[in-house]
Amino acid sequence: MTEEPFDEAKRQMMTVGSPSDGPNLDGMSIDFDAYLFMAELFEHVAVHQTGDLDCMLIASCTVDHGKTPTVVGEALVDIWQDKLRYHHRAAHRLRQDDFEVYLDVATLTHDGGIFVTGLIKATWNRQP
């Protein structure tokens, strides 16, 4: 079985880097919260650290009504690419359906540097 491109890229970053922790990971958590909130797509954003190197941060977002999964997915990719990722190396995988958008992410500061893995989950409140 071959790895998907995202999984392979994430594994490579995790192999050549060290996991972010302490103030560095706290800073990335704050950045996730701030940039996702500033996107004005979400009613609520919550970010937490998992302690799992395979997915160190999870951002859970409740989407404002009237936003489509396509709009949210494109916006999340733009936020990741332009604001959140480290510039040396990054990968992402977008998954979506009618009620949920998931962006799996991984980034590395430099070879031998620190990496961050995570997931941004955007869901719609199904109550009117």
Protein backbone atom coordinates (compact mmCIF):
# COMPACT_ATOMS: atom_id res chain seq x y z
CA MET A 1 0.00 0.00 0.00
CA THR A 2 1.42 3.39 -0.97
CA GLU A 3 1.05 6.49 1.16
CA GLU A 4 -1.07 9.41 0.03
CA PRO A 5 1.05 12.46 -0.89
CA PHE A 6 0.02 14.35 2.27
CA ASP A 7 0.82 11.41 4.55
CA GLU A 8 4.20 10.91 2.89
CA ALA A 9 5.08 14.61 3.15
CA LYS A 10 4.03 14.70 6.82
CA ARG A 11 6.05 11.59 7.62
CA GLN A 12 9.13 13.09 5.94
CA MET A 13 8.79 16.33 7.93
CA MET A 14 8.38 14.36 11.16
CA THR A 15 11.50 12.33 10.29
CA VAL A 16 13.81 15.31 9.67
CA GLY A 17 12.43 17.60 12.38
CA SER A 18 11.57 17.67 16.07
CA PRO A 19 8.05 18.25 17.39
CA SER A 20 7.15 21.78 18.38
CA ASP A 21 6.40 22.18 22.07
CA GLY A 22 6.25 24.73 24.85
CA PRO A 23 6.14 28.38 23.78
CA ASN A 24 6.53 27.50 20.08
CA LEU A 25 3.47 25.24 20.05
CA ASP A 26 1.58 27.72 22.23
CA GLY A 27 2.36 30.40 19.66
CA MET A 28 1.07 28.27 16.80
CA SER A 29 -2.11 27.58 18.81
CA ILE A 30 -2.61 31.31 19.25
CA ASP A 31 -1.99 31.91 15.54
CA PHE A 32 -4.54 29.23 14.57
CA ASP A 33 -7.13 30.82 16.84
CA ALA A 34 -6.44 34.39 15.71
CA TYR A 35 -6.27 33.84 11.95
CA LEU A 36 -9.27 31.52 11.86
CA PHE A 37 -11.32 33.98 13.92
CA MET A 38 -10.23 36.95 11.76
CA ALA A 39 -11.42 35.14 8.62
CA GLU A 40 -15.00 36.06 9.63
CA LEU A 41 -16.25 32.65 8.50
CA PHE A 42 -16.93 31.18 11.90
CA GLU A 43 -19.32 31.70 14.81
CA HIS A 44 -16.90 29.93 17.14
CA VAL A 45 -13.25 28.80 17.04
CA ALA A 46 -11.55 26.58 19.64
CA VAL A 47 -7.98 25.31 19.40
CA HIS A 48 -6.45 22.69 21.63
CA GLN A 49 -3.19 20.79 21.86
CA THR A 50 -3.62 17.02 21.74
CA GLY A 51 -0.28 15.63 22.93
CA ASP A 52 -0.33 13.36 19.82
CA LEU A 53 2.59 14.00 17.45
CA ASP A 54 0.52 12.79 14.50
CA CYS A 55 -1.99 15.63 15.08
CA MET A 56 -0.61 18.11 17.60
CA LEU A 57 -3.28 20.81 17.22
CA ILE A 58 -6.99 20.58 16.50
CA ALA A 59 -8.96 23.68 15.61
CA SER A 60 -12.72 23.19 15.78
CA CYS A 61 -14.75 25.85 14.00
CA THR A 62 -18.50 26.39 13.73
CA VAL A 63 -19.32 27.93 10.36
CA ASP A 64 -21.55 30.99 9.98
CA HIS A 65 -24.77 30.17 8.16
CA GLY A 66 -24.74 31.02 4.47
CA LYS A 67 -21.16 29.87 3.86
CA THR A 68 -20.77 26.88 1.53
CA PRO A 69 -18.29 24.03 2.05
CA THR A 70 -16.47 25.12 -1.11
CA VAL A 71 -16.04 28.70 0.17
CA VAL A 72 -14.91 27.48 3.59
CA GLY A 73 -12.49 24.92 2.13
CA GLU A 74 -10.89 27.46 -0.19
CA ALA A 75 -10.59 29.99 2.66
CA LEU A 76 -8.98 27.45 4.99
CA VAL A 77 -6.39 26.53 2.36
CA ASP A 78 -5.64 30.23 1.80
CA ILE A 79 -5.28 30.88 5.56
CA TRP A 80 -2.98 27.87 5.88
CA GLN A 81 -0.84 28.82 2.89
CA ASP A 82 -0.65 32.57 3.59
CA LYS A 83 -0.75 32.89 7.39
CA LEU A 84 -0.16 29.72 9.38
CA ARG A 85 2.38 27.43 7.72
CA TYR A 86 6.12 27.71 8.14
CA HIS A 87 7.73 28.91 4.93
CA HIS A 88 10.33 26.14 4.56
CA ARG A 89 7.99 23.24 3.97
CA ALA A 90 4.30 22.48 4.39
CA ALA A 91 1.61 20.11 3.20
CA HIS A 92 -2.15 19.98 3.49
CA ARG A 93 -5.07 17.76 2.54
CA LEU A 94 -8.59 19.11 2.11
CA ARG A 95 -11.55 16.80 2.72
CA GLN A 96 -15.15 17.93 2.66
CA ASP A 97 -18.79 16.97 2.33
CA ASP A 98 -22.06 18.91 2.67
CA PHE A 99 -21.71 19.47 6.44
CA GLU A 100 -18.00 19.29 7.27
CA VAL A 101 -14.67 20.54 5.95
CA TYR A 102 -11.39 19.09 7.21
CA LEU A 103 -7.93 20.46 6.51
CA ASP A 104 -5.10 18.18 7.62
CA VAL A 105 -1.85 20.15 7.93
CA ALA A 106 1.87 19.66 8.55
CA THR A 107 4.72 22.15 8.42
CA LEU A 108 8.44 22.30 9.15
CA THR A 109 10.62 25.35 9.97
CA HIS A 110 13.73 23.90 8.28
CA ASP A 111 15.46 20.53 7.98
CA GLY A 112 16.46 19.70 11.54
CA GLY A 113 13.99 22.32 12.84
CA ILE A 114 10.59 21.94 14.43
CA PHE A 115 7.41 20.60 12.90
CA VAL A 116 3.73 21.06 13.66
CA THR A 117 0.91 18.72 12.61
CA GLY A 118 -2.75 19.48 12.94
CA LEU A 119 -6.33 19.41 11.82
CA ILE A 120 -8.77 22.25 11.19
CA LYS A 121 -12.38 21.03 11.42
CA ALA A 122 -15.17 23.26 10.18
CA THR A 123 -18.74 22.14 10.82
CA TRP A 124 -22.14 23.70 10.37
CA ASN A 125 -24.56 24.03 13.26
CA ARG A 126 -27.51 21.96 11.97
CA GLN A 127 -30.03 23.84 14.09
CA PRO A 128 -31.65 26.89 12.40
